[in-house]
Amino acid sequence: MENQARVVTRDELLNQIWGYEYDGETRTLDMHIRTLRQKLGEEGGSCIKTVRGVGYRLVRSETKEEDR
């Protein structure tokens, strides 16, 4: 995983996915993250952690995150 454990800001994600000119609702990103978590299932979806007020980060598993 390229950005594992690094917090990826909401702006970074919006720019990488929809481009710098994206002028839509930022909650669109939240809905896509929610859908991705649902599709990954209970175990897979838990690897996407929300960093409140900043963005998201990836972790391998709950036990790896607790060790930090």
C-alpha atoms as a PDB file:
ATOM      1  CA  MET A   1       0.000   0.000   0.000  1.00  0.00           C
ATOM      2  CA  GLU A   2       1.570   3.222  -1.188  1.00  0.00           C
ATOM      3  CA  ASN A   3       0.211   5.595   1.453  1.00  0.00           C
ATOM      4  CA  GLN A   4      -0.119   3.169   4.340  1.00  0.00           C
ATOM      5  CA  ALA A   5      -0.282   4.915   7.721  1.00  0.00           C
ATOM      6  CA  ARG A   6       0.132   8.344   6.066  1.00  0.00           C
ATOM      7  CA  VAL A   7      -2.826  10.666   6.471  1.00  0.00           C
ATOM      8  CA  VAL A   8      -4.131  11.608   3.041  1.00  0.00           C
ATOM      9  CA  THR A   9      -6.025  14.875   3.246  1.00  0.00           C
ATOM     10  CA  ARG A  10      -9.474  15.327   1.818  1.00  0.00           C
ATOM     11  CA  ASP A  11      -8.101  17.948  -0.586  1.00  0.00           C
ATOM     12  CA  GLU A  12      -5.437  15.518  -1.842  1.00  0.00           C
ATOM     13  CA  LEU A  13      -8.063  12.875  -2.511  1.00  0.00           C
ATOM     14  CA  LEU A  14     -10.451  15.290  -4.196  1.00  0.00           C
ATOM     15  CA  ASN A  15      -7.657  16.607  -6.414  1.00  0.00           C
ATOM     16  CA  GLN A  16      -6.320  13.155  -7.316  1.00  0.00           C
ATOM     17  CA  ILE A  17      -9.731  11.689  -8.075  1.00  0.00           C
ATOM     18  CA  TRP A  18     -11.747  14.556  -9.576  1.00  0.00           C
ATOM     19  CA  GLY A  19      -9.017  17.069 -10.433  1.00  0.00           C
ATOM     20  CA  TYR A  20      -8.104  20.541  -9.277  1.00  0.00           C
ATOM     21  CA  GLU A  21     -11.125  22.092 -10.921  1.00  0.00           C
ATOM     22  CA  TYR A  22     -13.609  20.000  -8.920  1.00  0.00           C
ATOM     23  CA  ASP A  23     -16.276  22.329  -7.613  1.00  0.00           C
ATOM     24  CA  GLY A  24     -18.767  19.797  -6.276  1.00  0.00           C
ATOM     25  CA  GLU A  25     -19.891  18.868  -2.802  1.00  0.00           C
ATOM     26  CA  THR A  26     -17.059  17.569  -0.577  1.00  0.00           C
ATOM     27  CA  ARG A  27     -19.469  15.109   1.059  1.00  0.00           C
ATOM     28  CA  THR A  28     -19.268  13.174  -2.200  1.00  0.00           C
ATOM     29  CA  LEU A  29     -15.897  11.883  -0.981  1.00  0.00           C
ATOM     30  CA  ASP A  30     -17.453  10.723   2.300  1.00  0.00           C
ATOM     31  CA  MET A  31     -20.121   8.783   0.430  1.00  0.00           C
ATOM     32  CA  HIS A  32     -17.532   7.096  -1.794  1.00  0.00           C
ATOM     33  CA  ILE A  33     -15.430   6.131   1.250  1.00  0.00           C
ATOM     34  CA  ARG A  34     -18.564   4.739   2.906  1.00  0.00           C
ATOM     35  CA  THR A  35     -19.418   2.685  -0.183  1.00  0.00           C
ATOM     36  CA  LEU A  36     -15.832   1.439  -0.441  1.00  0.00           C
ATOM     37  CA  ARG A  37     -15.889   0.341   3.207  1.00  0.00           C
ATOM     38  CA  GLN A  38     -19.168  -1.520   2.638  1.00  0.00           C
ATOM     39  CA  LYS A  39     -17.827  -3.293  -0.437  1.00  0.00           C
ATOM     40  CA  LEU A  40     -14.629  -4.293   1.367  1.00  0.00           C
ATOM     41  CA  GLY A  41     -16.677  -5.833   4.168  1.00  0.00           C
ATOM     42  CA  GLU A  42     -16.137  -5.755   7.888  1.00  0.00           C
ATOM     43  CA  GLU A  43     -12.454  -6.705   7.861  1.00  0.00           C
ATOM     44  CA  GLY A  44     -11.442  -4.844   4.715  1.00  0.00           C
ATOM     45  CA  GLY A  45     -13.432  -1.725   5.494  1.00  0.00           C
ATOM     46  CA  SER A  46     -11.767  -1.334   8.865  1.00  0.00           C
ATOM     47  CA  CYS A  47      -8.427  -0.668   7.166  1.00  0.00           C
ATOM     48  CA  ILE A  48      -9.656   2.815   6.137  1.00  0.00           C
ATOM     49  CA  LYS A  49      -9.462   5.082   9.160  1.00  0.00           C
ATOM     50  CA  THR A  50     -10.959   8.546   9.344  1.00  0.00           C
ATOM     51  CA  VAL A  51      -8.711  11.236  10.782  1.00  0.00           C
ATOM     52  CA  ARG A  52     -11.291  13.746  11.900  1.00  0.00           C
ATOM     53  CA  GLY A  53     -10.892  17.176  10.364  1.00  0.00           C
ATOM     54  CA  VAL A  54      -8.002  16.024   8.150  1.00  0.00           C
ATOM     55  CA  GLY A  55      -8.700  13.056   5.886  1.00  0.00           C
ATOM     56  CA  TYR A  56      -8.122   9.320   5.811  1.00  0.00           C
ATOM     57  CA  ARG A  57      -5.333   6.807   6.295  1.00  0.00           C
ATOM     58  CA  LEU A  58      -4.840   3.137   5.560  1.00  0.00           C
ATOM     59  CA  VAL A  59      -3.798   0.594   8.161  1.00  0.00           C
ATOM     60  CA  ARG A  60      -3.149  -3.120   7.690  1.00  0.00           C
ATOM     61  CA  SER A  61      -5.255  -4.279  10.608  1.00  0.00           C
ATOM     62  CA  GLU A  62      -6.600  -3.231  13.996  1.00  0.00           C
ATOM     63  CA  THR A  63      -3.651  -4.852  15.784  1.00  0.00           C
ATOM     64  CA  LYS A  64      -1.099  -2.940  13.687  1.00  0.00           C
ATOM     65  CA  GLU A  65      -2.799   0.349  14.460  1.00  0.00           C
ATOM     66  CA  GLU A  66      -2.877  -0.349  18.212  1.00  0.00           C
ATOM     67  CA  ASP A  67       0.897  -0.892  18.191  1.00  0.00           C
ATOM     68  CA  ARG A  68       1.518   2.703  17.060  1.00  0.00           C
END
